[in-house]
PDB file of N, CA and C in Angstrom:
ATOM      1  N   VAL A   1      79.798 118.206  96.035  1.00  0.00           N
ATOM      2  CA  VAL A   1      78.654 118.760  96.731  1.00  0.00           C
ATOM      3  C   VAL A   1      77.469 117.803  96.657  1.00  0.00           C
ATOM      4  N   ILE A   2      77.480 116.877  95.726  1.00  0.00           N
ATOM      5  CA  ILE A   2      76.327 116.004  95.504  1.00  0.00           C
ATOM      6  C   ILE A   2      75.916 115.240  96.763  1.00  0.00           C
ATOM      7  N   GLY A   3      76.859 114.793  97.564  1.00  0.00           N
ATOM      8  CA  GLY A   3      76.492 113.960  98.697  1.00  0.00           C
ATOM      9  C   GLY A   3      76.475 114.640 100.036  1.00  0.00           C
ATOM     10  N   ARG A   4      76.837 115.903 100.088  1.00  0.00           N
ATOM     11  CA  ARG A   4      76.997 116.572 101.378  1.00  0.00           C
ATOM     12  C   ARG A   4      75.781 116.420 102.280  1.00  0.00           C
ATOM     13  N   LYS A   5      74.610 116.755 101.800  1.00  0.00           N
ATOM     14  CA  LYS A   5      73.406 116.629 102.623  1.00  0.00           C
ATOM     15  C   LYS A   5      72.714 115.287 102.426  1.00  0.00           C
ATOM     16  N   ALA A   6      72.947 114.654 101.308  1.00  0.00           N
ATOM     17  CA  ALA A   6      72.303 113.367 101.044  1.00  0.00           C
ATOM     18  C   ALA A   6      72.749 112.300 102.035  1.00  0.00           C
ATOM     19  N   TRP A   7      73.954 112.415 102.570  1.00  0.00           N
ATOM     20  CA  TRP A   7      74.446 111.419 103.523  1.00  0.00           C
ATOM     21  C   TRP A   7      73.587 111.381 104.781  1.00  0.00           C
ATOM     22  N   LEU A   8      72.881 112.449 105.073  1.00  0.00           N
ATOM     23  CA  LEU A   8      72.010 112.482 106.245  1.00  0.00           C
ATOM     24  C   LEU A   8      70.867 111.486 106.122  1.00  0.00           C
ATOM     25  N   PHE A   9      70.568 111.053 104.910  1.00  0.00           N
ATOM     26  CA  PHE A   9      69.420 110.190 104.681  1.00  0.00           C
ATOM     27  C   PHE A   9      69.804 108.731 104.475  1.00  0.00           C
ATOM     28  N   ALA A  10      71.045 108.387 104.715  1.00  0.00           N
ATOM     29  CA  ALA A  10      71.462 106.989 104.661  1.00  0.00           C
ATOM     30  C   ALA A  10      71.094 106.369 106.010  1.00  0.00           C
ATOM     31  N   ASP A  11      70.006 105.624 106.036  1.00  0.00           N
ATOM     32  CA  ASP A  11      69.472 105.092 107.290  1.00  0.00           C
ATOM     33  C   ASP A  11      70.242 103.892 107.824  1.00  0.00           C
ATOM     34  N   THR A  12      70.948 103.200 106.958  1.00  0.00           N
ATOM     35  CA  THR A  12      71.665 101.996 107.376  1.00  0.00           C
ATOM     36  C   THR A  12      73.072 102.018 106.797  1.00  0.00           C
ATOM     37  N   PRO A  13      73.975 101.238 107.375  1.00  0.00           N
ATOM     38  CA  PRO A  13      75.309 101.133 106.778  1.00  0.00           C
ATOM     39  C   PRO A  13      75.264 100.618 105.338  1.00  0.00           C
ATOM     40  N   ALA A  14      74.358  99.700 105.059  1.00  0.00           N
ATOM     41  CA  ALA A  14      74.241  99.183 103.688  1.00  0.00           C
ATOM     42  C   ALA A  14      73.764 100.276 102.739  1.00  0.00           C
ATOM     43  N   GLY A  15      72.850 101.122 103.203  1.00  0.00           N
ATOM     44  CA  GLY A  15      72.376 102.236 102.381  1.00  0.00           C
ATOM     45  C   GLY A  15      73.474 103.240 102.110  1.00  0.00           C
ATOM     46  N   ALA A  16      74.289 103.510 103.126  1.00  0.00           N
ATOM     47  CA  ALA A  16      75.413 104.430 102.955  1.00  0.00           C
ATOM     48  C   ALA A  16      76.428 103.856 101.977  1.00  0.00           C
ATOM     49  N   LYS A  17      76.660 102.554 102.065  1.00  0.00           N
ATOM     50  CA  LYS A  17      77.605 101.904 101.151  1.00  0.00           C
ATOM     51  C   LYS A  17      77.093 101.962  99.711  1.00  0.00           C
ATOM     52  N   ALA A  18      75.799 101.722  99.517  1.00  0.00           N
ATOM     53  CA  ALA A  18      75.209 101.789  98.178  1.00  0.00           C
ATOM     54  C   ALA A  18      75.309 103.202  97.614  1.00  0.00           C
ATOM     55  N   SER A  19      75.029 104.196  98.447  1.00  0.00           N
ATOM     56  CA  SER A  19      75.137 105.592  98.002  1.00  0.00           C
ATOM     57  C   SER A  19      76.569 105.920  97.615  1.00  0.00           C
ATOM     58  N   ALA A  20      77.523 105.478  98.420  1.00  0.00           N
ATOM     59  CA  ALA A  20      78.932 105.742  98.130  1.00  0.00           C
ATOM     60  C   ALA A  20      79.342 105.097  96.814  1.00  0.00           C
ATOM     61  N   LEU A  21      78.843 103.892  96.562  1.00  0.00           N
ATOM     62  CA  LEU A  21      79.159 103.207  95.313  1.00  0.00           C
ATOM     63  C   LEU A  21      78.656 104.006  94.114  1.00  0.00           C
ATOM     64  N   TYR A  22      77.402 104.463  94.172  1.00  0.00           N
ATOM     65  CA  TYR A  22      76.845 105.230  93.058  1.00  0.00           C
ATOM     66  C   TYR A  22      77.546 106.570  92.885  1.00  0.00           C
ATOM     67  N   TYR A  23      77.842 107.255  93.989  1.00  0.00           N
ATOM     68  CA  TYR A  23      78.545 108.532  93.888  1.00  0.00           C
ATOM     69  C   TYR A  23      79.926 108.339  93.273  1.00  0.00           C
ATOM     70  N   THR A  24      80.587 107.236  93.639  1.00  0.00           N
ATOM     71  CA  THR A  24      81.901 106.949  93.074  1.00  0.00           C
ATOM     72  C   THR A  24      81.801 106.704  91.568  1.00  0.00           C
ATOM     73  N   LEU A  25      80.824 105.922  91.142  1.00  0.00           N
ATOM     74  CA  LEU A  25      80.642 105.676  89.706  1.00  0.00           C
ATOM     75  C   LEU A  25      80.325 106.963  88.953  1.00  0.00           C
ATOM     76  N   ILE A  26      79.480 107.804  89.531  1.00  0.00           N
ATOM     77  CA  ILE A  26      79.115 109.067  88.884  1.00  0.00           C
ATOM     78  C   ILE A  26      80.325 109.969  88.732  1.00  0.00           C
ATOM     79  N   GLU A  27      81.089 110.143  89.796  1.00  0.00           N
ATOM     80  CA  GLU A  27      82.250 111.032  89.742  1.00  0.00           C
ATOM     81  C   GLU A  27      83.347 110.470  88.842  1.00  0.00           C
ATOM     82  N   THR A  28      83.516 109.146  88.830  1.00  0.00           N
ATOM     83  CA  THR A  28      84.512 108.535  87.954  1.00  0.00           C
ATOM     84  C   THR A  28      84.092 108.667  86.492  1.00  0.00           C
ATOM     85  N   ALA A  29      82.810 108.540  86.226  1.00  0.00           N
ATOM     86  CA  ALA A  29      82.316 108.749  84.858  1.00  0.00           C
ATOM     87  C   ALA A  29      82.609 110.175  84.410  1.00  0.00           C
ATOM     88  N   LYS A  30      82.336 111.146  85.274  1.00  0.00           N
ATOM     89  CA  LYS A  30      82.627 112.550  84.943  1.00  0.00           C
ATOM     90  C   LYS A  30      84.113 112.748  84.669  1.00  0.00           C
ATOM     91  N   ALA A  31      84.956 112.166  85.519  1.00  0.00           N
ATOM     92  CA  ALA A  31      86.404 112.321  85.371  1.00  0.00           C
ATOM     93  C   ALA A  31      86.913 111.714  84.068  1.00  0.00           C
ATOM     94  N   ASN A  32      86.168 110.761  83.523  1.00  0.00           N
ATOM     95  CA  ASN A  32      86.554 110.115  82.267  1.00  0.00           C
ATOM     96  C   ASN A  32      85.806 110.669  81.071  1.00  0.00           C
ATOM     97  N   GLY A  33      85.176 111.827  81.244  1.00  0.00           N
ATOM     98  CA  GLY A  33      84.527 112.513  80.136  1.00  0.00           C
ATOM     99  C   GLY A  33      83.199 111.921  79.701  1.00  0.00           C
ATOM    100  N   LEU A  34      82.569 111.149  80.568  1.00  0.00           N
ATOM    101  CA  LEU A  34      81.285 110.539  80.232  1.00  0.00           C
ATOM    102  C   LEU A  34      80.149 111.315  80.886  1.00  0.00           C
ATOM    103  N   GLU A  35      78.968 111.238  80.287  1.00  0.00           N
ATOM    104  CA  GLU A  35      77.777 111.841  80.885  1.00  0.00           C
ATOM    105  C   GLU A  35      77.232 110.807  81.866  1.00  0.00           C
ATOM    106  N   PRO A  36      77.185 111.114  83.163  1.00  0.00           N
ATOM    107  CA  PRO A  36      76.850 110.111  84.180  1.00  0.00           C
ATOM    108  C   PRO A  36      75.529 109.375  83.959  1.00  0.00           C
ATOM    109  N   TYR A  37      74.465 110.085  83.598  1.00  0.00           N
ATOM    110  CA  TYR A  37      73.175 109.422  83.409  1.00  0.00           C
ATOM    111  C   TYR A  37      73.258 108.399  82.277  1.00  0.00           C
ATOM    112  N   ALA A  38      73.835 108.787  81.173  1.00  0.00           N
ATOM    113  CA  ALA A  38      73.954 107.875  80.031  1.00  0.00           C
ATOM    114  C   ALA A  38      74.827 106.674  80.393  1.00  0.00           C
ATOM    115  N   TYR A  39      75.916 106.917  81.124  1.00  0.00           N
ATOM    116  CA  TYR A  39      76.810 105.834  81.529  1.00  0.00           C
ATOM    117  C   TYR A  39      76.078 104.838  82.432  1.00  0.00           C
ATOM    118  N   LEU A  40      75.423 105.339  83.488  1.00  0.00           N
ATOM    119  CA  LEU A  40      74.721 104.445  84.406  1.00  0.00           C
ATOM    120  C   LEU A  40      73.588 103.702  83.702  1.00  0.00           C
ATOM    121  N   ASN A  41      72.884 104.369  82.832  1.00  0.00           N
ATOM    122  CA  ASN A  41      71.809 103.735  82.077  1.00  0.00           C
ATOM    123  C   ASN A  41      72.365 102.587  81.226  1.00  0.00           C
ATOM    124  N   TYR A  42      73.496 102.815  80.574  1.00  0.00           N
ATOM    125  CA  TYR A  42      74.132 101.786  79.751  1.00  0.00           C
ATOM    126  C   TYR A  42      74.570 100.598  80.612  1.00  0.00           C
ATOM    127  N   VAL A  43      75.258 100.889  81.716  1.00  0.00           N
ATOM    128  CA  VAL A  43      75.780  99.824  82.578  1.00  0.00           C
ATOM    129  C   VAL A  43      74.643  99.003  83.181  1.00  0.00           C
ATOM    130  N   ILE A  44      73.619  99.662  83.670  1.00  0.00           N
ATOM    131  CA  ILE A  44      72.493  98.937  84.261  1.00  0.00           C
ATOM    132  C   ILE A  44      71.815  98.054  83.212  1.00  0.00           C
ATOM    133  N   GLY A  45      71.749  98.528  81.990  1.00  0.00           N
ATOM    134  CA  GLY A  45      71.175  97.729  80.910  1.00  0.00           C
ATOM    135  C   GLY A  45      71.994  96.500  80.558  1.00  0.00           C
ATOM    136  N   LYS A  46      73.299  96.549  80.797  1.00  0.00           N
ATOM    137  CA  LYS A  46      74.194  95.434  80.462  1.00  0.00           C
ATOM    138  C   LYS A  46      74.386  94.448  81.614  1.00  0.00           C
ATOM    139  N   MET A  47      74.001  94.821  82.823  1.00  0.00           N
ATOM    140  CA  MET A  47      74.294  94.011  84.009  1.00  0.00           C
ATOM    141  C   MET A  47      73.798  92.571  83.913  1.00  0.00           C
ATOM    142  N   ALA A  48      72.645  92.357  83.335  1.00  0.00           N
ATOM    143  CA  ALA A  48      72.077  91.008  83.265  1.00  0.00           C
ATOM    144  C   ALA A  48      72.911  90.071  82.399  1.00  0.00           C
ATOM    145  N   ASP A  49      73.677  90.627  81.468  1.00  0.00           N
ATOM    146  CA  ASP A  49      74.461  89.807  80.543  1.00  0.00           C
ATOM    147  C   ASP A  49      75.891  89.550  81.009  1.00  0.00           C
ATOM    148  N   VAL A  50      76.303  90.175  82.097  1.00  0.00           N
ATOM    149  CA  VAL A  50      77.685  90.059  82.563  1.00  0.00           C
ATOM    150  C   VAL A  50      77.872  88.752  83.329  1.00  0.00           C
ATOM    151  N   GLU A  51      78.910  87.997  82.932  1.00  0.00           N
ATOM    152  CA  GLU A  51      79.179  86.710  83.569  1.00  0.00           C
ATOM    153  C   GLU A  51      80.596  86.597  84.113  1.00  0.00           C
ATOM    154  N   THR A  52      81.528  87.393  83.616  1.00  0.00           N
ATOM    155  CA  THR A  52      82.923  87.251  84.029  1.00  0.00           C
ATOM    156  C   THR A  52      83.467  88.565  84.583  1.00  0.00           C
ATOM    157  N   VAL A  53      84.573  88.457  85.289  1.00  0.00           N
ATOM    158  CA  VAL A  53      85.248  89.644  85.817  1.00  0.00           C
ATOM    159  C   VAL A  53      85.675  90.555  84.670  1.00  0.00           C
ATOM    160  N   GLU A  54      86.136  89.961  83.581  1.00  0.00           N
ATOM    161  CA  GLU A  54      86.567  90.752  82.431  1.00  0.00           C
ATOM    162  C   GLU A  54      85.417  91.575  81.858  1.00  0.00           C
ATOM    163  N   GLN A  55      84.233  90.997  81.832  1.00  0.00           N
ATOM    164  CA  GLN A  55      83.068  91.736  81.342  1.00  0.00           C
ATOM    165  C   GLN A  55      82.713  92.889  82.283  1.00  0.00           C
ATOM    166  N   TRP A  56      82.837  92.669  83.599  1.00  0.00           N
ATOM    167  CA  TRP A  56      82.604  93.765  84.555  1.00  0.00           C
ATOM    168  C   TRP A  56      83.632  94.865  84.349  1.00  0.00           C
ATOM    169  N   GLU A  57      84.893  94.472  84.186  1.00  0.00           N
ATOM    170  CA  GLU A  57      85.954  95.464  84.000  1.00  0.00           C
ATOM    171  C   GLU A  57      85.738  96.285  82.734  1.00  0.00           C
ATOM    172  N   ALA A  58      85.189  95.672  81.708  1.00  0.00           N
ATOM    173  CA  ALA A  58      84.928  96.395  80.459  1.00  0.00           C
ATOM    174  C   ALA A  58      83.879  97.489  80.649  1.00  0.00           C
ATOM    175  N   LEU A  59      83.052  97.377  81.683  1.00  0.00           N
ATOM    176  CA  LEU A  59      82.011  98.372  81.944  1.00  0.00           C
ATOM    177  C   LEU A  59      82.476  99.518  82.841  1.00  0.00           C
ATOM    178  N   LEU A  60      83.707  99.448  83.337  1.00  0.00           N
ATOM    179  CA  LEU A  60      84.217 100.538  84.176  1.00  0.00           C
ATOM    180  C   LEU A  60      84.403 101.799  83.337  1.00  0.00           C
ATOM    181  N   PRO A  61      84.206 102.959  83.945  1.00  0.00           N
ATOM    182  CA  PRO A  61      84.222 104.214  83.173  1.00  0.00           C
ATOM    183  C   PRO A  61      85.478 104.437  82.335  1.00  0.00           C
ATOM    184  N   TRP A  62      86.635 104.071  82.846  1.00  0.00           N
ATOM    185  CA  TRP A  62      87.868 104.334  82.096  1.00  0.00           C
ATOM    186  C   TRP A  62      88.045 103.381  80.922  1.00  0.00           C
ATOM    187  N   ASN A  63      87.221 102.351  80.823  1.00  0.00           N
ATOM    188  CA  ASN A  63      87.272 101.443  79.680  1.00  0.00           C
ATOM    189  C   ASN A  63      86.221 101.757  78.624  1.00  0.00           C
ATOM    190  N   MET A  64      85.425 102.775  78.847  1.00  0.00           N
ATOM    191  CA  MET A  64      84.359 103.153  77.911  1.00  0.00           C
ATOM    192  C   MET A  64      84.886 104.216  76.953  1.00  0.00           C
ATOM    193  N   LYS A  65      84.751 103.978  75.690  1.00  0.00           N
ATOM    194  CA  LYS A  65      85.139 104.988  74.680  1.00  0.00           C
ATOM    195  C   LYS A  65      84.332 104.795  73.441  1.00  0.00           C
TER     196      LYS A  65
END
C-alpha cells in the first residue's frame, strides 16, 4: 500500500525509478526481519566508504544480521 498513491507524484521516469528502488529496499528489509528506517540509515551512512561490488553486496538486506 505504501506506493499506491505515491506513484502519482513521480514527475519523471528517473523519479519513478528512484522511488521504486527505495520501495524495493524497504520491502526487502522488512522481508528479512529488519526495521526499514534503521536499515536505510545504516546503509546511507556506509555509502561513502563502499569501493567494491563485494562491499555493496554486504549491505544488501539479506546479508545483514
